[in-house]
PDB file of N, CA and C in Angstrom:
ATOM      1  N   UNK A   1       0.693  -1.347   0.232  1.00  0.00           N
ATOM      2  CA  UNK A   1      -0.040   0.194  -0.203  1.00  0.00           C
ATOM      3  C   UNK A   1       1.121   0.859   0.013  1.00  0.00           C
ATOM      4  N   UNK A   2       2.098   1.014   0.086  1.00  0.00           N
ATOM      5  CA  UNK A   2       3.046   2.032   0.470  1.00  0.00           C
ATOM      6  C   UNK A   2       2.326   2.946   1.295  1.00  0.00           C
ATOM      7  N   UNK A   3       1.947   3.009   2.530  1.00  0.00           N
ATOM      8  CA  UNK A   3       2.056   4.091   3.399  1.00  0.00           C
ATOM      9  C   UNK A   3       3.549   3.951   4.407  1.00  0.00           C
ATOM     10  N   UNK A   4       3.393   4.243   5.086  1.00  0.00           N
ATOM     11  CA  UNK A   4       4.921   4.603   6.293  1.00  0.00           C
ATOM     12  C   UNK A   4       3.526   4.707   7.623  1.00  0.00           C
ATOM     13  N   UNK A   5       4.355   4.330   8.007  1.00  0.00           N
ATOM     14  CA  UNK A   5       3.475   3.982   9.591  1.00  0.00           C
ATOM     15  C   UNK A   5       3.537   5.634  10.198  1.00  0.00           C
ATOM     16  N   UNK A   6       2.760   6.214  10.837  1.00  0.00           N
ATOM     17  CA  UNK A   6       2.052   7.407  10.928  1.00  0.00           C
ATOM     18  C   UNK A   6       1.268   7.944  10.016  1.00  0.00           C
ATOM     19  N   UNK A   7       0.855   7.469   8.733  1.00  0.00           N
ATOM     20  CA  UNK A   7       0.636   7.981   7.995  1.00  0.00           C
ATOM     21  C   UNK A   7      -0.843   6.813   7.013  1.00  0.00           C
ATOM     22  N   UNK A   8      -0.672   6.315   8.313  1.00  0.00           N
ATOM     23  CA  UNK A   8      -1.932   4.898   7.759  1.00  0.00           C
ATOM     24  C   UNK A   8      -2.687   5.736   8.097  1.00  0.00           C
ATOM     25  N   UNK A   9      -3.594   6.103   8.789  1.00  0.00           N
ATOM     26  CA  UNK A   9      -5.156   7.052   8.590  1.00  0.00           C
ATOM     27  C   UNK A   9      -5.173   7.371   7.301  1.00  0.00           C
ATOM     28  N   UNK A  10      -7.171   7.226   7.178  1.00  0.00           N
ATOM     29  CA  UNK A  10      -7.642   7.755   6.017  1.00  0.00           C
ATOM     30  C   UNK A  10      -7.527   9.728   5.835  1.00  0.00           C
ATOM     31  N   UNK A  11      -7.389  10.176   5.340  1.00  0.00           N
ATOM     32  CA  UNK A  11      -7.443  11.433   5.056  1.00  0.00           C
ATOM     33  C   UNK A  11      -8.785  12.394   5.002  1.00  0.00           C
ATOM     34  N   UNK A  12      -8.978  12.962   5.802  1.00  0.00           N
ATOM     35  CA  UNK A  12     -10.346  13.507   5.685  1.00  0.00           C
ATOM     36  C   UNK A  12     -10.662  15.095   5.708  1.00  0.00           C
ATOM     37  N   UNK A  13     -10.498  15.811   4.425  1.00  0.00           N
ATOM     38  CA  UNK A  13     -10.598  17.090   3.604  1.00  0.00           C
ATOM     39  C   UNK A  13     -11.861  17.777   4.596  1.00  0.00           C
ATOM     40  N   UNK A  14     -11.123  18.862   5.034  1.00  0.00           N
ATOM     41  CA  UNK A  14     -11.654  19.814   5.364  1.00  0.00           C
ATOM     42  C   UNK A  14     -11.720  20.254   6.889  1.00  0.00           C
ATOM     43  N   UNK A  15     -11.727  18.782   7.490  1.00  0.00           N
ATOM     44  CA  UNK A  15     -11.008  18.734   8.990  1.00  0.00           C
ATOM     45  C   UNK A  15      -9.819  18.989   9.123  1.00  0.00           C
ATOM     46  N   UNK A  16      -9.527  19.769  10.491  1.00  0.00           N
ATOM     47  CA  UNK A  16      -8.245  20.304  10.957  1.00  0.00           C
ATOM     48  C   UNK A  16      -7.725  19.394  12.319  1.00  0.00           C
ATOM     49  N   UNK A  17      -7.227  18.250  12.058  1.00  0.00           N
ATOM     50  CA  UNK A  17      -6.681  17.318  13.591  1.00  0.00           C
ATOM     51  C   UNK A  17      -6.508  18.600  14.342  1.00  0.00           C
ATOM     52  N   UNK A  18      -5.733  18.403  15.599  1.00  0.00           N
ATOM     53  CA  UNK A  18      -4.562  19.475  16.279  1.00  0.00           C
ATOM     54  C   UNK A  18      -4.734  17.938  17.944  1.00  0.00           C
ATOM     55  N   UNK A  19      -3.333  18.157  18.010  1.00  0.00           N
ATOM     56  CA  UNK A  19      -3.195  16.847  18.995  1.00  0.00           C
ATOM     57  C   UNK A  19      -1.637  17.242  19.717  1.00  0.00           C
ATOM     58  N   UNK A  20      -1.540  17.171  21.387  1.00  0.00           N
ATOM     59  CA  UNK A  20      -0.429  17.169  21.771  1.00  0.00           C
ATOM     60  C   UNK A  20       0.117  16.223  21.825  1.00  0.00           C
ATOM     61  N   UNK A  21       1.408  16.242  21.518  1.00  0.00           N
ATOM     62  CA  UNK A  21       2.775  15.229  21.814  1.00  0.00           C
ATOM     63  C   UNK A  21       2.746  14.675  23.147  1.00  0.00           C
ATOM     64  N   UNK A  22       2.711  13.245  23.635  1.00  0.00           N
ATOM     65  CA  UNK A  22       2.323  12.402  24.742  1.00  0.00           C
ATOM     66  C   UNK A  22       3.705  13.169  25.672  1.00  0.00           C
ATOM     67  N   UNK A  23       4.420  13.750  24.867  1.00  0.00           N
ATOM     68  CA  UNK A  23       5.983  14.118  25.895  1.00  0.00           C
ATOM     69  C   UNK A  23       5.610  16.064  26.459  1.00  0.00           C
ATOM     70  N   UNK A  24       4.618  16.981  25.797  1.00  0.00           N
ATOM     71  CA  UNK A  24       4.178  17.687  26.533  1.00  0.00           C
ATOM     72  C   UNK A  24       3.103  17.229  26.959  1.00  0.00           C
ATOM     73  N   UNK A  25       2.389  16.816  27.754  1.00  0.00           N
ATOM     74  CA  UNK A  25       1.308  16.530  28.008  1.00  0.00           C
ATOM     75  C   UNK A  25       1.457  16.988  29.415  1.00  0.00           C
ATOM     76  N   UNK A  26       0.985  17.503  30.280  1.00  0.00           N
ATOM     77  CA  UNK A  26       0.819  16.945  31.729  1.00  0.00           C
ATOM     78  C   UNK A  26       0.725  15.849  33.019  1.00  0.00           C
ATOM     79  N   UNK A  27       1.621  14.584  32.968  1.00  0.00           N
ATOM     80  CA  UNK A  27       1.473  14.001  33.478  1.00  0.00           C
ATOM     81  C   UNK A  27       0.641  13.541  34.985  1.00  0.00           C
ATOM     82  N   UNK A  28       1.125  14.362  35.755  1.00  0.00           N
ATOM     83  CA  UNK A  28       0.400  14.671  36.848  1.00  0.00           C
ATOM     84  C   UNK A  28      -0.467  15.789  37.420  1.00  0.00           C
ATOM     85  N   UNK A  29      -1.459  16.061  36.560  1.00  0.00           N
ATOM     86  CA  UNK A  29      -2.628  17.324  36.277  1.00  0.00           C
ATOM     87  C   UNK A  29      -3.217  16.556  36.887  1.00  0.00           C
ATOM     88  N   UNK A  30      -3.387  17.504  38.320  1.00  0.00           N
ATOM     89  CA  UNK A  30      -4.535  17.617  39.239  1.00  0.00           C
ATOM     90  C   UNK A  30      -4.894  16.033  40.279  1.00  0.00           C
ATOM     91  N   UNK A  31      -3.431  16.103  40.054  1.00  0.00           N
ATOM     92  CA  UNK A  31      -3.111  14.911  41.258  1.00  0.00           C
ATOM     93  C   UNK A  31      -3.546  15.017  42.371  1.00  0.00           C
ATOM     94  N   UNK A  32      -3.576  16.026  43.193  1.00  0.00           N
ATOM     95  CA  UNK A  32      -3.641  16.309  44.552  1.00  0.00           C
ATOM     96  C   UNK A  32      -5.049  17.140  44.579  1.00  0.00           C
ATOM     97  N   UNK A  33      -5.959  17.449  43.275  1.00  0.00           N
ATOM     98  CA  UNK A  33      -7.226  17.876  43.543  1.00  0.00           C
ATOM     99  C   UNK A  33      -8.119  16.807  43.297  1.00  0.00           C
ATOM    100  N   UNK A  34      -7.619  15.831  41.930  1.00  0.00           N
ATOM    101  CA  UNK A  34      -8.732  14.693  41.685  1.00  0.00           C
ATOM    102  C   UNK A  34      -8.435  13.443  41.946  1.00  0.00           C
ATOM    103  N   UNK A  35      -6.929  12.978  41.889  1.00  0.00           N
ATOM    104  CA  UNK A  35      -6.340  11.802  42.243  1.00  0.00           C
ATOM    105  C   UNK A  35      -6.770  10.940  43.923  1.00  0.00           C
ATOM    106  N   UNK A  36      -6.169  11.941  44.541  1.00  0.00           N
ATOM    107  CA  UNK A  36      -6.461  11.456  46.023  1.00  0.00           C
ATOM    108  C   UNK A  36      -7.707  11.701  46.399  1.00  0.00           C
ATOM    109  N   UNK A  37      -8.233  12.232  46.202  1.00  0.00           N
ATOM    110  CA  UNK A  37      -9.896  12.206  47.460  1.00  0.00           C
ATOM    111  C   UNK A  37     -10.507  11.161  46.317  1.00  0.00           C
ATOM    112  N   UNK A  38     -10.223  10.609  45.114  1.00  0.00           N
ATOM    113  CA  UNK A  38     -10.420  10.041  44.483  1.00  0.00           C
ATOM    114  C   UNK A  38      -9.776   8.585  44.705  1.00  0.00           C
ATOM    115  N   UNK A  39      -8.846   8.183  44.977  1.00  0.00           N
ATOM    116  CA  UNK A  39      -8.804   7.470  45.866  1.00  0.00           C
ATOM    117  C   UNK A  39      -9.612   6.609  46.903  1.00  0.00           C
ATOM    118  N   UNK A  40      -9.745   7.602  47.770  1.00  0.00           N
ATOM    119  CA  UNK A  40     -10.073   7.754  49.030  1.00  0.00           C
ATOM    120  C   UNK A  40     -11.398   6.747  48.749  1.00  0.00           C
ATOM    121  N   UNK A  41     -12.467   7.519  48.251  1.00  0.00           N
ATOM    122  CA  UNK A  41     -13.410   7.624  47.849  1.00  0.00           C
ATOM    123  C   UNK A  41     -13.670   5.838  46.466  1.00  0.00           C
ATOM    124  N   UNK A  42     -12.458   5.708  46.209  1.00  0.00           N
ATOM    125  CA  UNK A  42     -12.831   4.226  45.796  1.00  0.00           C
ATOM    126  C   UNK A  42     -12.154   3.445  46.882  1.00  0.00           C
ATOM    127  N   UNK A  43     -11.055   3.183  47.149  1.00  0.00           N
ATOM    128  CA  UNK A  43     -11.373   2.469  48.606  1.00  0.00           C
ATOM    129  C   UNK A  43     -12.962   2.131  49.430  1.00  0.00           C
ATOM    130  N   UNK A  44     -12.772   3.810  49.802  1.00  0.00           N
ATOM    131  CA  UNK A  44     -14.091   3.850  50.718  1.00  0.00           C
ATOM    132  C   UNK A  44     -14.927   2.661  50.531  1.00  0.00           C
ATOM    133  N   UNK A  45     -15.139   3.018  49.293  1.00  0.00           N
ATOM    134  CA  UNK A  45     -16.739   1.977  49.151  1.00  0.00           C
ATOM    135  C   UNK A  45     -16.522   0.534  48.452  1.00  0.00           C
ATOM    136  N   UNK A  46     -14.795   0.125  48.442  1.00  0.00           N
ATOM    137  CA  UNK A  46     -14.096  -1.120  48.317  1.00  0.00           C
ATOM    138  C   UNK A  46     -13.949  -1.950  49.186  1.00  0.00           C
ATOM    139  N   UNK A  47     -14.202  -1.327  50.658  1.00  0.00           N
ATOM    140  CA  UNK A  47     -13.442  -1.755  51.800  1.00  0.00           C
ATOM    141  C   UNK A  47     -13.798  -2.547  52.466  1.00  0.00           C
ATOM    142  N   UNK A  48     -15.355  -3.073  52.450  1.00  0.00           N
ATOM    143  CA  UNK A  48     -15.934  -4.675  53.261  1.00  0.00           C
ATOM    144  C   UNK A  48     -15.337  -5.168  52.047  1.00  0.00           C
ATOM    145  N   UNK A  49     -14.943  -5.540  50.747  1.00  0.00           N
ATOM    146  CA  UNK A  49     -14.675  -6.609  50.121  1.00  0.00           C
ATOM    147  C   UNK A  49     -13.539  -7.170  50.030  1.00  0.00           C
ATOM    148  N   UNK A  50     -12.574  -6.121  50.327  1.00  0.00           N
ATOM    149  CA  UNK A  50     -10.930  -6.732  50.289  1.00  0.00           C
ATOM    150  C   UNK A  50     -10.668  -7.017  51.677  1.00  0.00           C
ATOM    151  N   UNK A  51     -10.946  -5.859  52.690  1.00  0.00           N
ATOM    152  CA  UNK A  51     -10.546  -6.457  54.140  1.00  0.00           C
ATOM    153  C   UNK A  51     -10.795  -7.517  54.912  1.00  0.00           C
ATOM    154  N   UNK A  52     -11.764  -7.563  55.258  1.00  0.00           N
ATOM    155  CA  UNK A  52     -12.067  -9.441  55.934  1.00  0.00           C
ATOM    156  C   UNK A  52     -11.268 -10.558  55.040  1.00  0.00           C
ATOM    157  N   UNK A  53     -11.059 -10.424  53.940  1.00  0.00           N
ATOM    158  CA  UNK A  53      -9.578 -11.562  53.670  1.00  0.00           C
ATOM    159  C   UNK A  53      -8.784 -11.192  54.257  1.00  0.00           C
ATOM    160  N   UNK A  54      -8.417 -10.008  54.310  1.00  0.00           N
ATOM    161  CA  UNK A  54      -6.927  -9.489  54.800  1.00  0.00           C
ATOM    162  C   UNK A  54      -6.770  -9.863  56.085  1.00  0.00           C
ATOM    163  N   UNK A  55      -8.074  -9.256  56.681  1.00  0.00           N
ATOM    164  CA  UNK A  55      -7.659  -9.795  58.732  1.00  0.00           C
ATOM    165  C   UNK A  55      -7.875 -11.022  58.631  1.00  0.00           C
ATOM    166  N   UNK A  56      -8.727 -11.436  57.793  1.00  0.00           N
ATOM    167  CA  UNK A  56      -8.759 -13.079  58.176  1.00  0.00           C
ATOM    168  C   UNK A  56      -7.228 -14.105  57.839  1.00  0.00           C
ATOM    169  N   UNK A  57      -6.835 -13.685  56.662  1.00  0.00           N
ATOM    170  CA  UNK A  57      -5.366 -13.641  56.501  1.00  0.00           C
ATOM    171  C   UNK A  57      -4.406 -14.092  57.468  1.00  0.00           C
ATOM    172  N   UNK A  58      -4.272 -12.479  58.403  1.00  0.00           N
ATOM    173  CA  UNK A  58      -3.593 -12.062  59.438  1.00  0.00           C
ATOM    174  C   UNK A  58      -3.403 -12.819  60.414  1.00  0.00           C
ATOM    175  N   UNK A  59      -4.990 -13.382  61.036  1.00  0.00           N
ATOM    176  CA  UNK A  59      -5.240 -14.090  61.877  1.00  0.00           C
ATOM    177  C   UNK A  59      -4.417 -15.315  61.714  1.00  0.00           C
ATOM    178  N   UNK A  60      -4.639 -16.106  60.604  1.00  0.00           N
ATOM    179  CA  UNK A  60      -4.383 -17.032  59.960  1.00  0.00           C
ATOM    180  C   UNK A  60      -2.247 -17.178  60.495  1.00  0.00           C
ATOM    181  N   UNK A  61      -1.952 -16.173  60.137  1.00  0.00           N
ATOM    182  CA  UNK A  61      -0.692 -16.579  59.899  1.00  0.00           C
ATOM    183  C   UNK A  61      -0.215 -16.332  61.287  1.00  0.00           C
ATOM    184  N   UNK A  62      -0.767 -15.278  61.996  1.00  0.00           N
ATOM    185  CA  UNK A  62      -0.356 -15.427  63.488  1.00  0.00           C
ATOM    186  C   UNK A  62      -0.336 -16.423  64.302  1.00  0.00           C
ATOM    187  N   UNK A  63      -1.910 -17.119  63.733  1.00  0.00           N
ATOM    188  CA  UNK A  63      -1.767 -18.121  64.869  1.00  0.00           C
ATOM    189  C   UNK A  63      -0.609 -19.118  64.145  1.00  0.00           C
ATOM    190  N   UNK A  64      -0.315 -19.387  62.619  1.00  0.00           N
ATOM    191  CA  UNK A  64       0.384 -20.494  62.694  1.00  0.00           C
ATOM    192  C   UNK A  64       1.195 -20.387  63.213  1.00  0.00           C
ATOM    193  N   UNK A  65       1.883 -19.212  63.556  1.00  0.00           N
ATOM    194  CA  UNK A  65       3.460 -18.708  63.492  1.00  0.00           C
ATOM    195  C   UNK A  65       3.609 -19.096  64.935  1.00  0.00           C
ATOM    196  N   UNK A  66       2.683 -19.140  65.973  1.00  0.00           N
ATOM    197  CA  UNK A  66       2.422 -18.669  67.241  1.00  0.00           C
ATOM    198  C   UNK A  66       2.986 -20.305  67.210  1.00  0.00           C
ATOM    199  N   UNK A  67       1.816 -21.125  66.928  1.00  0.00           N
ATOM    200  CA  UNK A  67       1.952 -22.735  66.741  1.00  0.00           C
ATOM    201  C   UNK A  67       2.943 -23.116  66.522  1.00  0.00           C
ATOM    202  N   UNK A  68       3.824 -22.499  65.512  1.00  0.00           N
ATOM    203  CA  UNK A  68       5.242 -23.335  65.028  1.00  0.00           C
ATOM    204  C   UNK A  68       5.760 -22.679  66.167  1.00  0.00           C
ATOM    205  N   UNK A  69       6.331 -21.805  67.041  1.00  0.00           N
ATOM    206  CA  UNK A  69       7.036 -21.472  67.784  1.00  0.00           C
ATOM    207  C   UNK A  69       6.498 -22.459  68.940  1.00  0.00           C
ATOM    208  N   UNK A  70       5.135 -22.657  69.453  1.00  0.00           N
ATOM    209  CA  UNK A  70       4.697 -23.432  70.584  1.00  0.00           C
ATOM    210  C   UNK A  70       5.217 -24.960  71.419  1.00  0.00           C
ATOM    211  N   UNK A  71       5.220 -25.468  69.590  1.00  0.00           N
ATOM    212  CA  UNK A  71       5.870 -26.734  69.321  1.00  0.00           C
ATOM    213  C   UNK A  71       7.032 -26.982  68.695  1.00  0.00           C
ATOM    214  N   UNK A  72       8.183 -25.605  68.870  1.00  0.00           N
ATOM    215  CA  UNK A  72       9.199 -26.042  68.542  1.00  0.00           C
ATOM    216  C   UNK A  72      10.181 -25.608  69.455  1.00  0.00           C
ATOM    217  N   UNK A  73       9.386 -25.509  71.078  1.00  0.00           N
ATOM    218  CA  UNK A  73       9.854 -25.457  71.928  1.00  0.00           C
ATOM    219  C   UNK A  73      10.323 -26.798  73.252  1.00  0.00           C
ATOM    220  N   UNK A  74      11.716 -26.729  73.399  1.00  0.00           N
ATOM    221  CA  UNK A  74      11.560 -28.223  74.476  1.00  0.00           C
ATOM    222  C   UNK A  74      11.281 -28.087  75.719  1.00  0.00           C
ATOM    223  N   UNK A  75      10.642 -29.006  76.424  1.00  0.00           N
ATOM    224  CA  UNK A  75       9.799 -29.708  77.149  1.00  0.00           C
ATOM    225  C   UNK A  75      11.558 -29.496  78.372  1.00  0.00           C
ATOM    226  N   UNK A  76      11.409 -28.325  79.482  1.00  0.00           N
ATOM    227  CA  UNK A  76      12.460 -28.427  80.439  1.00  0.00           C
ATOM    228  C   UNK A  76      12.768 -29.784  81.190  1.00  0.00           C
ATOM    229  N   UNK A  77      11.312 -30.408  81.474  1.00  0.00           N
ATOM    230  CA  UNK A  77      10.633 -31.401  82.551  1.00  0.00           C
ATOM    231  C   UNK A  77      11.484 -32.597  81.994  1.00  0.00           C
ATOM    232  N   UNK A  78      11.176 -32.876  80.532  1.00  0.00           N
ATOM    233  CA  UNK A  78      12.029 -33.641  79.506  1.00  0.00           C
ATOM    234  C   UNK A  78      13.485 -34.647  80.076  1.00  0.00           C
ATOM    235  N   UNK A  79      14.513 -33.000  80.249  1.00  0.00           N
ATOM    236  CA  UNK A  79      16.131 -32.733  80.987  1.00  0.00           C
ATOM    237  C   UNK A  79      16.326 -32.292  81.866  1.00  0.00           C
ATOM    238  N   UNK A  80      15.397 -32.748  82.729  1.00  0.00           N
ATOM    239  CA  UNK A  80      15.834 -32.745  84.567  1.00  0.00           C
ATOM    240  C   UNK A  80      16.695 -33.266  84.820  1.00  0.00           C
ATOM    241  N   UNK A  81      16.908 -34.784  84.791  1.00  0.00           N
ATOM    242  CA  UNK A  81      17.297 -35.371  85.074  1.00  0.00           C
ATOM    243  C   UNK A  81      19.023 -36.133  84.292  1.00  0.00           C
ATOM    244  N   UNK A  82      18.851 -35.357  82.786  1.00  0.00           N
ATOM    245  CA  UNK A  82      20.255 -34.984  82.946  1.00  0.00           C
ATOM    246  C   UNK A  82      21.433 -34.211  83.849  1.00  0.00           C
ATOM    247  N   UNK A  83      22.939 -35.414  83.240  1.00  0.00           N
ATOM    248  CA  UNK A  83      23.660 -34.312  84.387  1.00  0.00           C
ATOM    249  C   UNK A  83      24.540 -34.343  83.805  1.00  0.00           C
TER     250      UNK A  83
END
């Protein structure tokens, strides 16, 4: 077809399109005004969906760690008669 990359689109006559280069856009525009409050709103809306499994997983992990430490201890009464 003889077209190069960047000229693959169909030309429409009578319409002028302007665009801003991705390198000239402001990547963090509005992050303090819109981004952070939006993040809090989304977390608040989903907290009851992801928090209970995290709490249960932590409690199971904590219980398993404590049980492992309890079972790993030696009983001093077993070694009372050693000389």
